[in-house]
Amino acid sequence: MPFRRRLVVFGYPLLEILTIVGLAQLIGWGWTLLILIAGIPIGFAVMSRAGRSAFSSMREASRAGRLPDGTAGTHALAFLAGALIAVPGLWTDLAGALLLLPPVRRRVSHRYGPRVTAFTSTAGGMRPPSFGTSDVIKGTVVNTENAQPNAPGHADGPAAAGPSGAVGSS
């Protein structure tokens, strides 16, 4: 395992634990736990708002008959900010709060926005399935194996026509 990966895997949790212990010694364990727990619903609220915004912008674009504009990266960053806030940890809360600031979001969106937009516009990097180049004929499939044409409540076909020839005139 490369050094950078080991540093992230082992160093980040150690940094979070040391920061939480240091803050707890400074303000007390009760307040520290309250800060950590309060981030969870706040993060979910931010993610929910970002999801609703993304859905409404996609709906407006589809009504106008055009592709969604470049806001997919902005919504994805807001969602990421909410996810970082929802994860218990002081450094993740700080990173999520920084991503909510407009200047930071613009800078990150400017740098990584095209990648995020390309990634989200292709459904997470996956391509839609191809069904070949054959023609598709739209229609309705009627299963007549178990149908009983003269059963009560069955009102279609010539058996249900009344004396005038109209269906349902009994």
N, C-alpha and C. Protein backbone atom coordinates (compact mmCIF):
# COMPACT_ATOMS: atom_id res chain seq x y z
N MET A 1 0.85 -1.17 0.00
CA MET A 1 0.00 0.00 0.00
C MET A 1 0.90 1.24 0.00
N PRO A 2 0.66 2.15 -0.95
CA PRO A 2 1.50 3.35 -1.02
C PRO A 2 1.36 4.21 0.25
N PHE A 3 2.38 5.03 0.47
CA PHE A 3 2.43 5.85 1.68
C PHE A 3 1.24 6.80 1.77
N ARG A 4 0.85 7.42 0.67
CA ARG A 4 -0.27 8.37 0.70
C ARG A 4 -1.56 7.68 1.11
N ARG A 5 -1.79 6.50 0.58
CA ARG A 5 -3.01 5.78 0.92
C ARG A 5 -2.99 5.37 2.39
N ARG A 6 -1.84 4.92 2.88
CA ARG A 6 -1.74 4.59 4.31
C ARG A 6 -1.96 5.80 5.17
N LEU A 7 -1.45 6.95 4.72
CA LEU A 7 -1.63 8.19 5.48
C LEU A 7 -3.11 8.55 5.56
N VAL A 8 -3.83 8.39 4.48
CA VAL A 8 -5.26 8.70 4.48
C VAL A 8 -6.03 7.68 5.31
N VAL A 9 -5.74 6.40 5.12
CA VAL A 9 -6.49 5.36 5.81
C VAL A 9 -6.25 5.40 7.31
N PHE A 10 -5.03 5.62 7.74
CA PHE A 10 -4.72 5.59 9.16
C PHE A 10 -4.58 6.99 9.76
N GLY A 11 -4.11 7.93 8.99
CA GLY A 11 -3.86 9.26 9.52
C GLY A 11 -5.12 10.09 9.72
N TYR A 12 -6.06 9.97 8.79
CA TYR A 12 -7.28 10.77 8.90
C TYR A 12 -8.09 10.41 10.15
N PRO A 13 -8.39 9.13 10.40
CA PRO A 13 -9.13 8.82 11.64
C PRO A 13 -8.36 9.24 12.89
N LEU A 14 -7.05 9.11 12.87
CA LEU A 14 -6.25 9.55 14.02
C LEU A 14 -6.37 11.06 14.21
N LEU A 15 -6.33 11.81 13.12
CA LEU A 15 -6.51 13.26 13.18
C LEU A 15 -7.88 13.62 13.75
N GLU A 16 -8.93 12.93 13.31
CA GLU A 16 -10.29 13.19 13.82
C GLU A 16 -10.37 12.90 15.32
N ILE A 17 -9.81 11.76 15.73
CA ILE A 17 -9.87 11.39 17.16
C ILE A 17 -9.11 12.38 18.00
N LEU A 18 -7.91 12.75 17.58
CA LEU A 18 -7.13 13.72 18.35
C LEU A 18 -7.83 15.08 18.42
N THR A 19 -8.47 15.49 17.34
CA THR A 19 -9.19 16.76 17.34
C THR A 19 -10.40 16.70 18.27
N ILE A 20 -11.13 15.60 18.24
CA ILE A 20 -12.30 15.46 19.11
C ILE A 20 -11.88 15.45 20.57
N VAL A 21 -10.81 14.73 20.89
CA VAL A 21 -10.32 14.70 22.28
C VAL A 21 -9.85 16.09 22.71
N GLY A 22 -9.15 16.78 21.83
CA GLY A 22 -8.69 18.14 22.16
C GLY A 22 -9.85 19.10 22.37
N LEU A 23 -10.88 19.03 21.51
CA LEU A 23 -12.04 19.90 21.67
C LEU A 23 -12.81 19.55 22.93
N ALA A 24 -12.89 18.25 23.24
CA ALA A 24 -13.59 17.83 24.45
C ALA A 24 -12.88 18.32 25.70
N GLN A 25 -11.57 18.36 25.69
CA GLN A 25 -10.84 18.89 26.83
C GLN A 25 -11.03 20.40 26.95
N LEU A 26 -11.25 21.05 25.83
CA LEU A 26 -11.42 22.49 25.82
C LEU A 26 -12.83 22.91 26.24
N ILE A 27 -13.87 22.27 25.67
CA ILE A 27 -15.24 22.71 25.95
C ILE A 27 -16.07 21.67 26.68
N GLY A 28 -15.58 20.47 26.83
CA GLY A 28 -16.32 19.42 27.53
C GLY A 28 -16.87 18.39 26.56
N TRP A 29 -17.05 17.16 27.08
CA TRP A 29 -17.51 16.06 26.24
C TRP A 29 -18.95 16.23 25.80
N GLY A 30 -19.79 16.79 26.63
CA GLY A 30 -21.19 16.97 26.28
C GLY A 30 -21.36 17.87 25.06
N TRP A 31 -20.68 19.02 25.09
CA TRP A 31 -20.77 19.95 23.96
C TRP A 31 -20.14 19.36 22.70
N THR A 32 -19.06 18.62 22.88
CA THR A 32 -18.40 18.01 21.72
C THR A 32 -19.30 16.98 21.06
N LEU A 33 -19.93 16.13 21.88
CA LEU A 33 -20.84 15.14 21.31
C LEU A 33 -22.06 15.80 20.68
N LEU A 34 -22.54 16.88 21.28
CA LEU A 34 -23.66 17.62 20.70
C LEU A 34 -23.29 18.19 19.33
N ILE A 35 -22.09 18.71 19.20
CA ILE A 35 -21.63 19.23 17.90
C ILE A 35 -21.54 18.11 16.87
N LEU A 36 -21.00 16.96 17.28
CA LEU A 36 -20.87 15.84 16.35
C LEU A 36 -22.23 15.30 15.92
N ILE A 37 -23.17 15.19 16.86
CA ILE A 37 -24.49 14.65 16.55
C ILE A 37 -25.33 15.66 15.77
N ALA A 38 -25.16 16.94 16.04
CA ALA A 38 -25.95 17.97 15.34
C ALA A 38 -25.60 18.02 13.85
N GLY A 39 -24.42 17.60 13.49
CA GLY A 39 -24.03 17.63 12.09
C GLY A 39 -24.80 16.63 11.23
N ILE A 40 -25.30 15.57 11.83
CA ILE A 40 -25.98 14.53 11.05
C ILE A 40 -27.27 15.06 10.41
N PRO A 41 -28.23 15.60 11.19
CA PRO A 41 -29.45 16.10 10.52
C PRO A 41 -29.19 17.31 9.63
N ILE A 42 -28.22 18.12 10.00
CA ILE A 42 -27.89 19.28 9.15
C ILE A 42 -27.37 18.79 7.80
N GLY A 43 -26.51 17.79 7.82
CA GLY A 43 -25.97 17.24 6.58
C GLY A 43 -27.06 16.62 5.71
N PHE A 44 -27.99 15.88 6.33
CA PHE A 44 -29.09 15.30 5.57
C PHE A 44 -29.99 16.37 4.98
N ALA A 45 -30.19 17.46 5.71
CA ALA A 45 -31.01 18.56 5.18
C ALA A 45 -30.34 19.20 3.97
N VAL A 46 -29.03 19.38 4.03
CA VAL A 46 -28.30 19.96 2.89
C VAL A 46 -28.36 19.01 1.69
N MET A 47 -28.20 17.70 1.93
CA MET A 47 -28.28 16.74 0.83
C MET A 47 -29.67 16.73 0.21
N SER A 48 -30.70 16.80 1.04
CA SER A 48 -32.07 16.81 0.54
C SER A 48 -32.33 18.04 -0.31
N ARG A 49 -31.87 19.18 0.15
CA ARG A 49 -32.06 20.42 -0.60
C ARG A 49 -31.32 20.37 -1.94
N ALA A 50 -30.11 19.83 -1.94
CA ALA A 50 -29.35 19.71 -3.19
C ALA A 50 -30.04 18.75 -4.16
N GLY A 51 -30.58 17.67 -3.64
CA GLY A 51 -31.30 16.72 -4.50
C GLY A 51 -32.55 17.33 -5.10
N ARG A 52 -33.31 18.07 -4.29
CA ARG A 52 -34.50 18.73 -4.81
C ARG A 52 -34.14 19.77 -5.86
N SER A 53 -33.08 20.51 -5.63
CA SER A 53 -32.65 21.51 -6.61
C SER A 53 -32.23 20.86 -7.92
N ALA A 54 -31.51 19.77 -7.83
CA ALA A 54 -31.08 19.06 -9.05
C ALA A 54 -32.29 18.52 -9.80
N PHE A 55 -33.25 17.95 -9.07
CA PHE A 55 -34.43 17.40 -9.71
C PHE A 55 -35.26 18.49 -10.38
N SER A 56 -35.41 19.63 -9.72
CA SER A 56 -36.21 20.70 -10.32
C SER A 56 -35.51 21.30 -11.55
N SER A 57 -34.19 21.41 -11.52
CA SER A 57 -33.51 21.94 -12.71
C SER A 57 -33.59 20.95 -13.87
N MET A 58 -33.54 19.66 -13.58
CA MET A 58 -33.70 18.66 -14.64
C MET A 58 -35.12 18.68 -15.19
N ARG A 59 -36.11 18.85 -14.32
CA ARG A 59 -37.50 18.89 -14.76
C ARG A 59 -37.75 20.12 -15.64
N GLU A 60 -37.21 21.27 -15.24
CA GLU A 60 -37.37 22.48 -16.05
C GLU A 60 -36.69 22.33 -17.41
N ALA A 61 -35.53 21.71 -17.44
CA ALA A 61 -34.84 21.51 -18.70
C ALA A 61 -35.61 20.56 -19.61
N SER A 62 -36.20 19.53 -19.03
CA SER A 62 -36.96 18.59 -19.87
C SER A 62 -38.24 19.22 -20.39
N ARG A 63 -38.85 20.09 -19.60
CA ARG A 63 -40.05 20.80 -20.08
C ARG A 63 -39.71 21.74 -21.22
N ALA A 64 -38.54 22.34 -21.16
CA ALA A 64 -38.11 23.26 -22.22
C ALA A 64 -37.55 22.50 -23.43
N GLY A 65 -37.38 21.19 -23.30
CA GLY A 65 -36.88 20.40 -24.41
C GLY A 65 -35.40 20.58 -24.66
N ARG A 66 -34.64 20.83 -23.63
CA ARG A 66 -33.20 21.02 -23.78
C ARG A 66 -32.49 20.17 -22.74
N LEU A 67 -31.18 20.09 -22.89
CA LEU A 67 -30.37 19.40 -21.90
C LEU A 67 -30.19 20.29 -20.68
N PRO A 68 -30.02 19.69 -19.50
CA PRO A 68 -29.77 20.52 -18.32
C PRO A 68 -28.49 21.33 -18.47
N ASP A 69 -28.50 22.53 -17.92
CA ASP A 69 -27.30 23.37 -18.00
C ASP A 69 -26.22 22.82 -17.08
N GLY A 70 -25.17 23.55 -16.89
CA GLY A 70 -24.01 23.07 -16.14
C GLY A 70 -24.17 23.09 -14.64
N THR A 71 -25.41 23.10 -14.13
CA THR A 71 -25.60 23.14 -12.68
C THR A 71 -25.46 21.77 -12.03
N ALA A 72 -25.28 20.72 -12.83
CA ALA A 72 -25.13 19.39 -12.23
C ALA A 72 -23.92 19.34 -11.31
N GLY A 73 -22.85 20.00 -11.70
CA GLY A 73 -21.66 20.04 -10.85
C GLY A 73 -21.90 20.80 -9.56
N THR A 74 -22.67 21.89 -9.64
CA THR A 74 -22.98 22.67 -8.45
C THR A 74 -23.85 21.87 -7.49
N HIS A 75 -24.86 21.18 -8.03
CA HIS A 75 -25.72 20.37 -7.18
C HIS A 75 -24.95 19.20 -6.58
N ALA A 76 -24.06 18.63 -7.36
CA ALA A 76 -23.26 17.52 -6.85
C ALA A 76 -22.33 17.99 -5.73
N LEU A 77 -21.78 19.18 -5.86
CA LEU A 77 -20.91 19.71 -4.80
C LEU A 77 -21.71 20.01 -3.54
N ALA A 78 -22.92 20.54 -3.70
CA ALA A 78 -23.76 20.79 -2.53
C ALA A 78 -24.13 19.47 -1.85
N PHE A 79 -24.42 18.44 -2.65
CA PHE A 79 -24.72 17.13 -2.09
C PHE A 79 -23.51 16.57 -1.36
N LEU A 80 -22.34 16.73 -1.95
CA LEU A 80 -21.10 16.28 -1.30
C LEU A 80 -20.86 17.02 0.00
N ALA A 81 -21.14 18.32 0.01
CA ALA A 81 -21.00 19.10 1.23
C ALA A 81 -21.92 18.56 2.32
N GLY A 82 -23.17 18.24 1.96
CA GLY A 82 -24.10 17.66 2.93
C GLY A 82 -23.63 16.32 3.44
N ALA A 83 -23.08 15.50 2.54
CA ALA A 83 -22.57 14.19 2.97
C ALA A 83 -21.40 14.35 3.92
N LEU A 84 -20.52 15.30 3.64
CA LEU A 84 -19.38 15.52 4.54
C LEU A 84 -19.85 16.01 5.90
N ILE A 85 -20.88 16.85 5.92
CA ILE A 85 -21.39 17.34 7.20
C ILE A 85 -22.09 16.22 7.96
N ALA A 86 -22.78 15.33 7.24
CA ALA A 86 -23.52 14.25 7.90
C ALA A 86 -22.60 13.21 8.52
N VAL A 87 -21.40 13.05 7.99
CA VAL A 87 -20.45 12.09 8.56
C VAL A 87 -19.91 12.68 9.86
N PRO A 88 -20.04 11.94 10.96
CA PRO A 88 -19.54 12.48 12.23
C PRO A 88 -18.03 12.69 12.19
N GLY A 89 -17.64 13.90 12.46
CA GLY A 89 -16.23 14.27 12.46
C GLY A 89 -16.11 15.76 12.31
N LEU A 90 -15.16 16.34 12.99
CA LEU A 90 -15.02 17.80 12.96
C LEU A 90 -14.38 18.27 11.66
N TRP A 91 -13.41 17.53 11.13
CA TRP A 91 -12.75 17.94 9.90
C TRP A 91 -13.67 17.76 8.70
N THR A 92 -14.48 16.70 8.70
CA THR A 92 -15.43 16.54 7.61
C THR A 92 -16.50 17.63 7.65
N ASP A 93 -16.93 18.00 8.87
CA ASP A 93 -17.89 19.10 9.00
C ASP A 93 -17.29 20.40 8.46
N LEU A 94 -16.03 20.63 8.77
CA LEU A 94 -15.36 21.84 8.29
C LEU A 94 -15.25 21.82 6.77
N ALA A 95 -14.87 20.68 6.20
CA ALA A 95 -14.76 20.59 4.74
C ALA A 95 -16.13 20.79 4.07
N GLY A 96 -17.18 20.20 4.65
CA GLY A 96 -18.52 20.38 4.11
C GLY A 96 -18.99 21.82 4.22
N ALA A 97 -18.71 22.46 5.35
CA ALA A 97 -19.11 23.86 5.51
C ALA A 97 -18.36 24.76 4.53
N LEU A 98 -17.10 24.45 4.29
CA LEU A 98 -16.34 25.24 3.30
C LEU A 98 -16.92 25.07 1.90
N LEU A 99 -17.38 23.85 1.57
CA LEU A 99 -17.97 23.64 0.25
C LEU A 99 -19.30 24.36 0.08
N LEU A 100 -19.92 24.75 1.18
CA LEU A 100 -21.18 25.49 1.08
C LEU A 100 -20.95 26.98 0.81
N LEU A 101 -19.75 27.46 1.04
CA LEU A 101 -19.46 28.87 0.79
C LEU A 101 -19.36 29.10 -0.72
N PRO A 102 -20.06 30.14 -1.23
CA PRO A 102 -20.07 30.37 -2.68
C PRO A 102 -18.69 30.54 -3.33
N PRO A 103 -17.74 31.29 -2.74
CA PRO A 103 -16.44 31.41 -3.41
C PRO A 103 -15.70 30.08 -3.51
N VAL A 104 -15.78 29.27 -2.46
CA VAL A 104 -15.11 27.97 -2.48
C VAL A 104 -15.79 27.05 -3.48
N ARG A 105 -17.12 27.06 -3.50
CA ARG A 105 -17.86 26.21 -4.43
C ARG A 105 -17.57 26.60 -5.88
N ARG A 106 -17.48 27.92 -6.14
CA ARG A 106 -17.16 28.37 -7.50
C ARG A 106 -15.77 27.90 -7.91
N ARG A 107 -14.83 28.02 -6.99
CA ARG A 107 -13.46 27.61 -7.32
C ARG A 107 -13.37 26.10 -7.57
N VAL A 108 -14.00 25.32 -6.71
CA VAL A 108 -13.98 23.87 -6.88
C VAL A 108 -14.77 23.49 -8.12
N SER A 109 -15.91 24.15 -8.35
CA SER A 109 -16.72 23.87 -9.53
C SER A 109 -15.98 24.23 -10.81
N HIS A 110 -15.24 25.31 -10.76
CA HIS A 110 -14.46 25.72 -11.93
C HIS A 110 -13.39 24.69 -12.25
N ARG A 111 -12.78 24.16 -11.20
CA ARG A 111 -11.70 23.20 -11.41
C ARG A 111 -12.21 21.80 -11.73
N TYR A 112 -13.23 21.33 -10.97
CA TYR A 112 -13.70 19.95 -11.13
C TYR A 112 -15.09 19.86 -11.75
N GLY A 113 -15.74 20.99 -12.03
CA GLY A 113 -17.10 20.99 -12.56
C GLY A 113 -17.28 20.22 -13.85
N PRO A 114 -16.40 20.40 -14.85
CA PRO A 114 -16.58 19.63 -16.08
C PRO A 114 -16.51 18.12 -15.87
N ARG A 115 -15.65 17.68 -14.97
CA ARG A 115 -15.56 16.24 -14.69
C ARG A 115 -16.83 15.75 -14.03
N VAL A 116 -17.33 16.52 -13.04
CA VAL A 116 -18.53 16.11 -12.32
C VAL A 116 -19.73 16.12 -13.26
N THR A 117 -19.83 17.14 -14.11
CA THR A 117 -20.94 17.21 -15.05
C THR A 117 -20.90 16.04 -16.02
N ALA A 118 -19.73 15.72 -16.53
CA ALA A 118 -19.61 14.57 -17.43
C ALA A 118 -19.93 13.27 -16.71
N PHE A 119 -19.52 13.16 -15.47
CA PHE A 119 -19.76 11.94 -14.70
C PHE A 119 -21.25 11.79 -14.40
N THR A 120 -21.91 12.89 -13.97
CA THR A 120 -23.33 12.80 -13.63
C THR A 120 -24.22 12.72 -14.85
N SER A 121 -23.80 13.26 -15.98
CA SER A 121 -24.65 13.20 -17.17
C SER A 121 -24.63 11.84 -17.82
N THR A 122 -23.67 10.99 -17.48
CA THR A 122 -23.64 9.64 -18.03
C THR A 122 -24.03 8.62 -16.98
N ALA A 123 -24.86 9.02 -16.02
CA ALA A 123 -25.39 8.13 -14.99
C ALA A 123 -24.27 7.45 -14.21
N GLY A 124 -23.39 8.23 -13.68
CA GLY A 124 -22.33 7.68 -12.86
C GLY A 124 -21.25 6.99 -13.66
N GLY A 125 -21.05 7.42 -14.88
CA GLY A 125 -20.01 6.83 -15.70
C GLY A 125 -20.45 5.62 -16.48
N MET A 126 -21.70 5.19 -16.28
CA MET A 126 -22.20 4.02 -17.01
C MET A 126 -22.95 4.49 -18.25
N ARG A 127 -22.81 3.76 -19.30
CA ARG A 127 -23.51 4.07 -20.55
C ARG A 127 -24.85 3.34 -20.55
N PRO A 128 -25.87 3.94 -21.16
CA PRO A 128 -27.14 3.22 -21.24
C PRO A 128 -27.00 2.00 -22.14
N PRO A 129 -27.80 0.96 -21.89
CA PRO A 129 -27.67 -0.25 -22.69
C PRO A 129 -28.12 0.00 -24.12
N SER A 130 -27.49 -0.68 -25.04
CA SER A 130 -27.85 -0.57 -26.44
C SER A 130 -28.67 -1.80 -26.82
N PHE A 131 -29.80 -1.57 -27.48
CA PHE A 131 -30.66 -2.67 -27.87
C PHE A 131 -30.57 -2.92 -29.37
N GLY A 132 -29.50 -2.52 -29.99
CA GLY A 132 -29.33 -2.74 -31.41
C GLY A 132 -29.99 -1.64 -32.22
N THR A 133 -30.08 -1.87 -33.50
CA THR A 133 -30.64 -0.87 -34.40
C THR A 133 -31.98 -1.31 -34.96
N SER A 134 -32.63 -2.29 -34.35
CA SER A 134 -33.90 -2.76 -34.89
C SER A 134 -35.01 -1.75 -34.63
N ASP A 135 -36.05 -1.85 -35.44
CA ASP A 135 -37.20 -0.97 -35.26
C ASP A 135 -38.04 -1.45 -34.08
N VAL A 136 -38.60 -0.53 -33.36
CA VAL A 136 -39.47 -0.86 -32.24
C VAL A 136 -40.87 -0.48 -32.64
N ILE A 137 -41.78 -1.41 -32.51
CA ILE A 137 -43.18 -1.15 -32.82
C ILE A 137 -43.93 -1.07 -31.51
N LYS A 138 -44.49 0.09 -31.23
CA LYS A 138 -45.24 0.27 -29.99
C LYS A 138 -46.62 -0.34 -30.16
N GLY A 139 -47.11 -0.97 -29.12
CA GLY A 139 -48.43 -1.57 -29.19
C GLY A 139 -48.83 -2.09 -27.83
N THR A 140 -49.93 -2.80 -27.81
CA THR A 140 -50.45 -3.36 -26.57
C THR A 140 -50.49 -4.87 -26.71
N VAL A 141 -50.04 -5.57 -25.70
CA VAL A 141 -50.06 -7.02 -25.69
C VAL A 141 -51.32 -7.45 -24.96
N VAL A 142 -52.11 -8.29 -25.59
CA VAL A 142 -53.34 -8.79 -25.00
C VAL A 142 -53.17 -10.29 -24.79
N ASN A 143 -53.33 -10.73 -23.56
CA ASN A 143 -53.22 -12.14 -23.22
C ASN A 143 -54.61 -12.74 -23.29
N THR A 144 -54.85 -13.64 -24.22
CA THR A 144 -56.18 -14.23 -24.40
C THR A 144 -56.25 -15.66 -23.90
N GLU A 145 -55.22 -16.14 -23.26
CA GLU A 145 -55.23 -17.53 -22.79
C GLU A 145 -56.28 -17.76 -21.72
N ASN A 146 -56.37 -16.88 -20.74
CA ASN A 146 -57.27 -17.08 -19.61
C ASN A 146 -58.52 -16.22 -19.72
N ALA A 147 -58.72 -15.56 -20.82
CA ALA A 147 -59.87 -14.67 -20.96
C ALA A 147 -61.13 -15.49 -21.23
N GLN A 148 -62.23 -15.10 -20.61
CA GLN A 148 -63.52 -15.73 -20.82
C GLN A 148 -64.44 -14.67 -21.43
N PRO A 149 -64.70 -14.72 -22.75
CA PRO A 149 -65.41 -13.64 -23.41
C PRO A 149 -66.84 -13.44 -22.92
N ASN A 150 -67.51 -14.45 -22.42
CA ASN A 150 -68.89 -14.28 -22.01
C ASN A 150 -69.04 -14.14 -20.51
N ALA A 151 -67.95 -13.95 -19.80
CA ALA A 151 -68.00 -13.80 -18.35
C ALA A 151 -68.64 -12.47 -17.98
N PRO A 152 -69.34 -12.41 -16.84
CA PRO A 152 -69.92 -11.13 -16.42
C PRO A 152 -68.84 -10.10 -16.17
N GLY A 153 -69.06 -8.88 -16.57
CA GLY A 153 -68.09 -7.81 -16.41
C GLY A 153 -67.11 -7.74 -17.54
N HIS A 154 -67.15 -8.65 -18.47
CA HIS A 154 -66.25 -8.64 -19.62
C HIS A 154 -66.99 -7.92 -20.74
N ALA A 155 -66.63 -6.67 -21.01
CA ALA A 155 -67.41 -5.84 -21.92
C ALA A 155 -66.60 -5.42 -23.13
N ASP A 156 -66.03 -6.34 -23.84
CA ASP A 156 -65.40 -5.97 -25.10
C ASP A 156 -65.65 -7.08 -26.10
N GLY A 157 -65.57 -6.75 -27.33
CA GLY A 157 -65.80 -7.72 -28.39
C GLY A 157 -67.26 -7.79 -28.78
N PRO A 158 -67.58 -8.59 -29.79
CA PRO A 158 -68.94 -8.65 -30.32
C PRO A 158 -69.93 -9.28 -29.36
N ALA A 159 -69.49 -10.12 -28.42
CA ALA A 159 -70.42 -10.75 -27.49
C ALA A 159 -71.03 -9.73 -26.54
N ALA A 160 -70.36 -8.61 -26.29
CA ALA A 160 -70.86 -7.61 -25.36
C ALA A 160 -71.71 -6.55 -26.06
N ALA A 161 -71.80 -6.59 -27.37
CA ALA A 161 -72.57 -5.60 -28.10
C ALA A 161 -74.05 -5.88 -27.93
N GLY A 162 -74.81 -4.84 -27.71
CA GLY A 162 -76.26 -4.97 -27.54
C GLY A 162 -76.97 -4.98 -28.88
N PRO A 163 -78.28 -4.81 -28.85
CA PRO A 163 -79.05 -4.84 -30.09
C PRO A 163 -78.67 -3.72 -31.06
N SER A 164 -78.22 -2.58 -30.54
CA SER A 164 -77.87 -1.50 -31.44
C SER A 164 -76.45 -1.66 -31.97
N GLY A 165 -75.71 -2.63 -31.46
CA GLY A 165 -74.34 -2.84 -31.91
C GLY A 165 -73.34 -2.08 -31.07
N ALA A 166 -73.81 -1.28 -30.13
CA ALA A 166 -72.90 -0.49 -29.27
C ALA A 166 -72.46 -1.34 -28.09
N VAL A 167 -71.24 -1.22 -27.71
CA VAL A 167 -70.72 -1.98 -26.58
C VAL A 167 -71.29 -1.39 -25.30
N GLY A 168 -71.76 -2.27 -24.44
CA GLY A 168 -72.24 -1.85 -23.13
C GLY A 168 -73.68 -1.35 -23.13
N SER A 169 -74.45 -1.54 -24.14
CA SER A 169 -75.84 -1.08 -24.16
C SER A 169 -76.76 -2.25 -23.85
N SER A 170 -77.03 -2.52 -22.60
CA SER A 170 -77.87 -3.63 -22.21
C SER A 170 -79.20 -3.13 -21.74
